Amino acid sequence: MLKNLTFILLGLSVLLLSLAALVGPEELALFLDSEESVQAAQNTSASQWCADMENKPNKQWQEGDFQRFAEECL
């Protein structure tokens, strides 16, 4: 069992290294830029959600809203 797991991990490592060799600096930069733009969009939607929740009466909040508001807005 341990021997099989070792071979599987070795195979996955070789596959990962092979894929990394195919990705050049340009592709990596494009990927990182797209991740940053996704994060920026999430921050914008989160700030909009916070503003909406500040205007919403507390009696209309759901259970998860309190926790999310505390994590994202405070």
PDB file of N, CA and C in Angstrom:
ATOM      1  N   MET A   1       0.836  -1.192   0.000  1.00  0.00           N
ATOM      2  CA  MET A   1       0.000   0.000   0.000  1.00  0.00           C
ATOM      3  C   MET A   1       0.876   1.249   0.000  1.00  0.00           C
ATOM      4  N   LEU A   2       1.857   1.309   0.868  1.00  0.00           N
ATOM      5  CA  LEU A   2       2.749   2.460   0.937  1.00  0.00           C
ATOM      6  C   LEU A   2       3.559   2.603  -0.348  1.00  0.00           C
ATOM      7  N   LYS A   3       3.930   1.455  -0.909  1.00  0.00           N
ATOM      8  CA  LYS A   3       4.683   1.473  -2.163  1.00  0.00           C
ATOM      9  C   LYS A   3       3.826   2.064  -3.285  1.00  0.00           C
ATOM     10  N   ASN A   4       2.556   1.677  -3.356  1.00  0.00           N
ATOM     11  CA  ASN A   4       1.642   2.208  -4.373  1.00  0.00           C
ATOM     12  C   ASN A   4       1.452   3.716  -4.199  1.00  0.00           C
ATOM     13  N   LEU A   5       1.300   4.145  -2.961  1.00  0.00           N
ATOM     14  CA  LEU A   5       1.120   5.561  -2.688  1.00  0.00           C
ATOM     15  C   LEU A   5       2.363   6.349  -3.096  1.00  0.00           C
ATOM     16  N   THR A   6       3.528   5.790  -2.858  1.00  0.00           N
ATOM     17  CA  THR A   6       4.780   6.438  -3.244  1.00  0.00           C
ATOM     18  C   THR A   6       4.857   6.593  -4.757  1.00  0.00           C
ATOM     19  N   PHE A   7       4.488   5.557  -5.492  1.00  0.00           N
ATOM     20  CA  PHE A   7       4.511   5.629  -6.953  1.00  0.00           C
ATOM     21  C   PHE A   7       3.493   6.643  -7.482  1.00  0.00           C
ATOM     22  N   ILE A   8       2.352   6.715  -6.856  1.00  0.00           N
ATOM     23  CA  ILE A   8       1.335   7.678  -7.274  1.00  0.00           C
ATOM     24  C   ILE A   8       1.840   9.096  -7.049  1.00  0.00           C
ATOM     25  N   LEU A   9       2.415   9.351  -5.881  1.00  0.00           N
ATOM     26  CA  LEU A   9       2.948  10.679  -5.593  1.00  0.00           C
ATOM     27  C   LEU A   9       4.103  11.036  -6.521  1.00  0.00           C
ATOM     28  N   LEU A  10       4.934  10.070  -6.828  1.00  0.00           N
ATOM     29  CA  LEU A  10       6.032  10.297  -7.761  1.00  0.00           C
ATOM     30  C   LEU A  10       5.493  10.651  -9.145  1.00  0.00           C
ATOM     31  N   GLY A  11       4.492   9.926  -9.587  1.00  0.00           N
ATOM     32  CA  GLY A  11       3.875  10.193 -10.891  1.00  0.00           C
ATOM     33  C   GLY A  11       3.239  11.574 -10.942  1.00  0.00           C
ATOM     34  N   LEU A  12       2.543  11.958  -9.863  1.00  0.00           N
ATOM     35  CA  LEU A  12       1.937  13.282  -9.811  1.00  0.00           C
ATOM     36  C   LEU A  12       2.999  14.381  -9.807  1.00  0.00           C
ATOM     37  N   SER A  13       4.097  14.130  -9.137  1.00  0.00           N
ATOM     38  CA  SER A  13       5.190  15.104  -9.115  1.00  0.00           C
ATOM     39  C   SER A  13       5.783  15.290 -10.501  1.00  0.00           C
ATOM     40  N   VAL A  14       5.996  14.194 -11.210  1.00  0.00           N
ATOM     41  CA  VAL A  14       6.535  14.278 -12.568  1.00  0.00           C
ATOM     42  C   VAL A  14       5.554  15.018 -13.468  1.00  0.00           C
ATOM     43  N   LEU A  15       4.279  14.736 -13.336  1.00  0.00           N
ATOM     44  CA  LEU A  15       3.269  15.422 -14.132  1.00  0.00           C
ATOM     45  C   LEU A  15       3.254  16.917 -13.831  1.00  0.00           C
ATOM     46  N   LEU A  16       3.317  17.264 -12.580  1.00  0.00           N
ATOM     47  CA  LEU A  16       3.311  18.668 -12.194  1.00  0.00           C
ATOM     48  C   LEU A  16       4.543  19.393 -12.723  1.00  0.00           C
ATOM     49  N   LEU A  17       5.691  18.776 -12.614  1.00  0.00           N
ATOM     50  CA  LEU A  17       6.911  19.387 -13.138  1.00  0.00           C
ATOM     51  C   LEU A  17       6.864  19.525 -14.659  1.00  0.00           C
ATOM     52  N   SER A  18       6.281  18.554 -15.330  1.00  0.00           N
ATOM     53  CA  SER A  18       6.141  18.634 -16.783  1.00  0.00           C
ATOM     54  C   SER A  18       5.240  19.795 -17.186  1.00  0.00           C
ATOM     55  N   LEU A  19       4.141  19.946 -16.473  1.00  0.00           N
ATOM     56  CA  LEU A  19       3.230  21.055 -16.771  1.00  0.00           C
ATOM     57  C   LEU A  19       3.877  22.394 -16.457  1.00  0.00           C
ATOM     58  N   ALA A  20       4.637  22.451 -15.382  1.00  0.00           N
ATOM     59  CA  ALA A  20       5.314  23.700 -15.024  1.00  0.00           C
ATOM     60  C   ALA A  20       6.326  24.092 -16.092  1.00  0.00           C
ATOM     61  N   ALA A  21       6.941  23.120 -16.727  1.00  0.00           N
ATOM     62  CA  ALA A  21       7.911  23.413 -17.780  1.00  0.00           C
ATOM     63  C   ALA A  21       7.230  24.001 -19.011  1.00  0.00           C
ATOM     64  N   LEU A  22       5.969  23.680 -19.219  1.00  0.00           N
ATOM     65  CA  LEU A  22       5.245  24.184 -20.379  1.00  0.00           C
ATOM     66  C   LEU A  22       4.718  25.602 -20.176  1.00  0.00           C
ATOM     67  N   VAL A  23       4.601  26.028 -18.938  1.00  0.00           N
ATOM     68  CA  VAL A  23       4.067  27.352 -18.641  1.00  0.00           C
ATOM     69  C   VAL A  23       5.218  28.339 -18.592  1.00  0.00           C
ATOM     70  N   GLY A  24       5.158  29.319 -19.469  1.00  0.00           N
ATOM     71  CA  GLY A  24       6.199  30.336 -19.511  1.00  0.00           C
ATOM     72  C   GLY A  24       5.864  31.516 -18.628  1.00  0.00           C
ATOM     73  N   PRO A  25       6.760  32.455 -18.535  1.00  0.00           N
ATOM     74  CA  PRO A  25       6.533  33.630 -17.689  1.00  0.00           C
ATOM     75  C   PRO A  25       5.329  34.466 -18.133  1.00  0.00           C
ATOM     76  N   GLU A  26       5.074  34.514 -19.442  1.00  0.00           N
ATOM     77  CA  GLU A  26       3.943  35.291 -19.929  1.00  0.00           C
ATOM     78  C   GLU A  26       2.615  34.688 -19.464  1.00  0.00           C
ATOM     79  N   GLU A  27       2.513  33.370 -19.569  1.00  0.00           N
ATOM     80  CA  GLU A  27       1.286  32.704 -19.143  1.00  0.00           C
ATOM     81  C   GLU A  27       1.082  32.851 -17.639  1.00  0.00           C
ATOM     82  N   LEU A  28       2.167  32.765 -16.895  1.00  0.00           N
ATOM     83  CA  LEU A  28       2.076  32.921 -15.446  1.00  0.00           C
ATOM     84  C   LEU A  28       1.620  34.332 -15.087  1.00  0.00           C
ATOM     85  N   ALA A  29       2.151  35.326 -15.769  1.00  0.00           N
ATOM     86  CA  ALA A  29       1.751  36.710 -15.515  1.00  0.00           C
ATOM     87  C   ALA A  29       0.273  36.919 -15.841  1.00  0.00           C
ATOM     88  N   LEU A  30      -0.194  36.332 -16.941  1.00  0.00           N
ATOM     89  CA  LEU A  30      -1.609  36.440 -17.292  1.00  0.00           C
ATOM     90  C   LEU A  30      -2.489  35.785 -16.237  1.00  0.00           C
ATOM     91  N   PHE A  31      -2.065  34.627 -15.749  1.00  0.00           N
ATOM     92  CA  PHE A  31      -2.830  33.932 -14.716  1.00  0.00           C
ATOM     93  C   PHE A  31      -2.886  34.763 -13.440  1.00  0.00           C
ATOM     94  N   LEU A  32      -1.764  35.321 -13.031  1.00  0.00           N
ATOM     95  CA  LEU A  32      -1.736  36.117 -11.806  1.00  0.00           C
ATOM     96  C   LEU A  32      -2.561  37.386 -11.955  1.00  0.00           C
ATOM     97  N   ASP A  33      -2.521  38.011 -13.127  1.00  0.00           N
ATOM     98  CA  ASP A  33      -3.339  39.199 -13.360  1.00  0.00           C
ATOM     99  C   ASP A  33      -4.818  38.873 -13.294  1.00  0.00           C
ATOM    100  N   SER A  34      -5.216  37.729 -13.835  1.00  0.00           N
ATOM    101  CA  SER A  34      -6.622  37.355 -13.801  1.00  0.00           C
ATOM    102  C   SER A  34      -7.066  37.068 -12.376  1.00  0.00           C
ATOM    103  N   GLU A  35      -6.189  36.487 -11.557  1.00  0.00           N
ATOM    104  CA  GLU A  35      -6.515  36.238 -10.152  1.00  0.00           C
ATOM    105  C   GLU A  35      -6.710  37.554  -9.403  1.00  0.00           C
ATOM    106  N   GLU A  36      -5.880  38.553  -9.700  1.00  0.00           N
ATOM    107  CA  GLU A  36      -6.004  39.849  -9.047  1.00  0.00           C
ATOM    108  C   GLU A  36      -7.298  40.546  -9.449  1.00  0.00           C
ATOM    109  N   SER A  37      -7.695  40.416 -10.709  1.00  0.00           N
ATOM    110  CA  SER A  37      -8.928  41.051 -11.143  1.00  0.00           C
ATOM    111  C   SER A  37     -10.147  40.373 -10.519  1.00  0.00           C
ATOM    112  N   VAL A  38     -10.088  39.073 -10.335  1.00  0.00           N
ATOM    113  CA  VAL A  38     -11.175  38.359  -9.656  1.00  0.00           C
ATOM    114  C   VAL A  38     -11.270  38.819  -8.211  1.00  0.00           C
ATOM    115  N   GLN A  39     -10.121  38.955  -7.551  1.00  0.00           N
ATOM    116  CA  GLN A  39     -10.099  39.415  -6.163  1.00  0.00           C
ATOM    117  C   GLN A  39     -10.659  40.831  -6.057  1.00  0.00           C
ATOM    118  N   ALA A  40     -10.305  41.708  -6.996  1.00  0.00           N
ATOM    119  CA  ALA A  40     -10.813  43.080  -6.988  1.00  0.00           C
ATOM    120  C   ALA A  40     -12.329  43.098  -7.165  1.00  0.00           C
ATOM    121  N   ALA A  41     -12.840  42.250  -8.050  1.00  0.00           N
ATOM    122  CA  ALA A  41     -14.291  42.173  -8.257  1.00  0.00           C
ATOM    123  C   ALA A  41     -14.993  41.663  -7.008  1.00  0.00           C
ATOM    124  N   GLN A  42     -14.388  40.705  -6.327  1.00  0.00           N
ATOM    125  CA  GLN A  42     -14.982  40.194  -5.098  1.00  0.00           C
ATOM    126  C   GLN A  42     -14.989  41.261  -4.018  1.00  0.00           C
ATOM    127  N   ASN A  43     -13.922  42.058  -3.936  1.00  0.00           N
ATOM    128  CA  ASN A  43     -13.872  43.127  -2.948  1.00  0.00           C
ATOM    129  C   ASN A  43     -14.939  44.172  -3.227  1.00  0.00           C
ATOM    130  N   THR A  44     -15.172  44.482  -4.500  1.00  0.00           N
ATOM    131  CA  THR A  44     -16.198  45.450  -4.863  1.00  0.00           C
ATOM    132  C   THR A  44     -17.574  44.920  -4.506  1.00  0.00           C
ATOM    133  N   SER A  45     -17.840  43.661  -4.827  1.00  0.00           N
ATOM    134  CA  SER A  45     -19.148  43.094  -4.505  1.00  0.00           C
ATOM    135  C   SER A  45     -19.323  42.968  -2.999  1.00  0.00           C
ATOM    136  N   ALA A  46     -18.249  42.688  -2.274  1.00  0.00           N
ATOM    137  CA  ALA A  46     -18.335  42.595  -0.818  1.00  0.00           C
ATOM    138  C   ALA A  46     -18.649  43.954  -0.215  1.00  0.00           C
ATOM    139  N   SER A  47     -18.010  45.009  -0.718  1.00  0.00           N
ATOM    140  CA  SER A  47     -18.282  46.337  -0.178  1.00  0.00           C
ATOM    141  C   SER A  47     -19.710  46.768  -0.497  1.00  0.00           C
ATOM    142  N   GLN A  48     -20.219  46.377  -1.661  1.00  0.00           N
ATOM    143  CA  GLN A  48     -21.601  46.686  -2.008  1.00  0.00           C
ATOM    144  C   GLN A  48     -22.553  45.925  -1.102  1.00  0.00           C
ATOM    145  N   TRP A  49     -22.233  44.664  -0.817  1.00  0.00           N
ATOM    146  CA  TRP A  49     -23.062  43.856   0.072  1.00  0.00           C
ATOM    147  C   TRP A  49     -23.088  44.477   1.466  1.00  0.00           C
ATOM    148  N   CYS A  50     -21.939  44.947   1.942  1.00  0.00           N
ATOM    149  CA  CYS A  50     -21.873  45.587   3.261  1.00  0.00           C
ATOM    150  C   CYS A  50     -22.760  46.820   3.299  1.00  0.00           C
ATOM    151  N   ALA A  51     -22.692  47.623   2.249  1.00  0.00           N
ATOM    152  CA  ALA A  51     -23.524  48.830   2.195  1.00  0.00           C
ATOM    153  C   ALA A  51     -25.003  48.463   2.180  1.00  0.00           C
ATOM    154  N   ASP A  52     -25.360  47.424   1.440  1.00  0.00           N
ATOM    155  CA  ASP A  52     -26.753  46.984   1.394  1.00  0.00           C
ATOM    156  C   ASP A  52     -27.221  46.482   2.761  1.00  0.00           C
ATOM    157  N   MET A  53     -26.347  45.752   3.446  1.00  0.00           N
ATOM    158  CA  MET A  53     -26.734  45.196   4.744  1.00  0.00           C
ATOM    159  C   MET A  53     -26.859  46.282   5.811  1.00  0.00           C
ATOM    160  N   GLU A  54     -26.078  47.358   5.683  1.00  0.00           N
ATOM    161  CA  GLU A  54     -26.197  48.458   6.640  1.00  0.00           C
ATOM    162  C   GLU A  54     -27.563  49.131   6.535  1.00  0.00           C
ATOM    163  N   ASN A  55     -28.143  49.096   5.340  1.00  0.00           N
ATOM    164  CA  ASN A  55     -29.455  49.716   5.128  1.00  0.00           C
ATOM    165  C   ASN A  55     -30.608  48.757   5.397  1.00  0.00           C
ATOM    166  N   LYS A  56     -30.320  47.482   5.524  1.00  0.00           N
ATOM    167  CA  LYS A  56     -31.360  46.466   5.737  1.00  0.00           C
ATOM    168  C   LYS A  56     -31.664  46.359   7.242  1.00  0.00           C
ATOM    169  N   PRO A  57     -32.920  46.347   7.627  1.00  0.00           N
ATOM    170  CA  PRO A  57     -33.249  46.210   9.055  1.00  0.00           C
ATOM    171  C   PRO A  57     -32.732  44.878   9.622  1.00  0.00           C
ATOM    172  N   ASN A  58     -32.265  44.917  10.865  1.00  0.00           N
ATOM    173  CA  ASN A  58     -31.675  43.726  11.481  1.00  0.00           C
ATOM    174  C   ASN A  58     -32.653  42.558  11.566  1.00  0.00           C
ATOM    175  N   LYS A  59     -33.935  42.842  11.657  1.00  0.00           N
ATOM    176  CA  LYS A  59     -34.925  41.762  11.751  1.00  0.00           C
ATOM    177  C   LYS A  59     -35.003  40.953  10.464  1.00  0.00           C
ATOM    178  N   GLN A  60     -34.545  41.503   9.354  1.00  0.00           N
ATOM    179  CA  GLN A  60     -34.590  40.813   8.070  1.00  0.00           C
ATOM    180  C   GLN A  60     -33.307  40.050   7.776  1.00  0.00           C
ATOM    181  N   TRP A  61     -32.322  40.141   8.627  1.00  0.00           N
ATOM    182  CA  TRP A  61     -31.059  39.445   8.410  1.00  0.00           C
ATOM    183  C   TRP A  61     -31.221  37.958   8.687  1.00  0.00           C
ATOM    184  N   GLN A  62     -30.535  37.149   7.918  1.00  0.00           N
ATOM    185  CA  GLN A  62     -30.493  35.709   8.140  1.00  0.00           C
ATOM    186  C   GLN A  62     -29.359  35.391   9.117  1.00  0.00           C
ATOM    187  N   GLU A  63     -29.308  34.172   9.620  1.00  0.00           N
ATOM    188  CA  GLU A  63     -28.287  33.773  10.594  1.00  0.00           C
ATOM    189  C   GLU A  63     -26.870  33.972  10.049  1.00  0.00           C
ATOM    190  N   GLY A  64     -26.623  33.574   8.811  1.00  0.00           N
ATOM    191  CA  GLY A  64     -25.295  33.697   8.226  1.00  0.00           C
ATOM    192  C   GLY A  64     -24.896  35.135   7.919  1.00  0.00           C
ATOM    193  N   ASP A  65     -25.887  36.019   7.810  1.00  0.00           N
ATOM    194  CA  ASP A  65     -25.592  37.416   7.503  1.00  0.00           C
ATOM    195  C   ASP A  65     -24.789  38.084   8.613  1.00  0.00           C
ATOM    196  N   PHE A  66     -25.101  37.761   9.865  1.00  0.00           N
ATOM    197  CA  PHE A  66     -24.392  38.366  10.985  1.00  0.00           C
ATOM    198  C   PHE A  66     -22.912  37.996  10.965  1.00  0.00           C
ATOM    199  N   GLN A  67     -22.636  36.728  10.732  1.00  0.00           N
ATOM    200  CA  GLN A  67     -21.246  36.276  10.702  1.00  0.00           C
ATOM    201  C   GLN A  67     -20.508  36.869   9.506  1.00  0.00           C
ATOM    202  N   ARG A  68     -21.126  36.852   8.343  1.00  0.00           N
ATOM    203  CA  ARG A  68     -20.469  37.405   7.149  1.00  0.00           C
ATOM    204  C   ARG A  68     -20.223  38.893   7.313  1.00  0.00           C
ATOM    205  N   PHE A  69     -21.193  39.611   7.902  1.00  0.00           N
ATOM    206  CA  PHE A  69     -21.024  41.044   8.112  1.00  0.00           C
ATOM    207  C   PHE A  69     -19.850  41.302   9.055  1.00  0.00           C
ATOM    208  N   ALA A  70     -19.738  40.504  10.099  1.00  0.00           N
ATOM    209  CA  ALA A  70     -18.635  40.671  11.048  1.00  0.00           C
ATOM    210  C   ALA A  70     -17.280  40.380  10.382  1.00  0.00           C
ATOM    211  N   GLU A  71     -17.234  39.386   9.510  1.00  0.00           N
ATOM    212  CA  GLU A  71     -15.972  39.011   8.859  1.00  0.00           C
ATOM    213  C   GLU A  71     -15.565  39.997   7.772  1.00  0.00           C
ATOM    214  N   GLU A  72     -16.514  40.470   6.987  1.00  0.00           N
ATOM    215  CA  GLU A  72     -16.187  41.252   5.805  1.00  0.00           C
ATOM    216  C   GLU A  72     -16.318  42.767   5.986  1.00  0.00           C
ATOM    217  N   CYS A  73     -17.146  43.186   6.909  1.00  0.00           N
ATOM    218  CA  CYS A  73     -17.471  44.604   6.962  1.00  0.00           C
ATOM    219  C   CYS A  73     -16.901  45.340   8.178  1.00  0.00           C
ATOM    220  N   LEU A  74     -16.550  44.613   9.210  1.00  0.00           N
ATOM    221  CA  LEU A  74     -16.036  45.288  10.411  1.00  0.00           C
ATOM    222  C   LEU A  74     -14.539  45.345  10.424  1.00  0.00           C
TER     223      LEU A  74
END
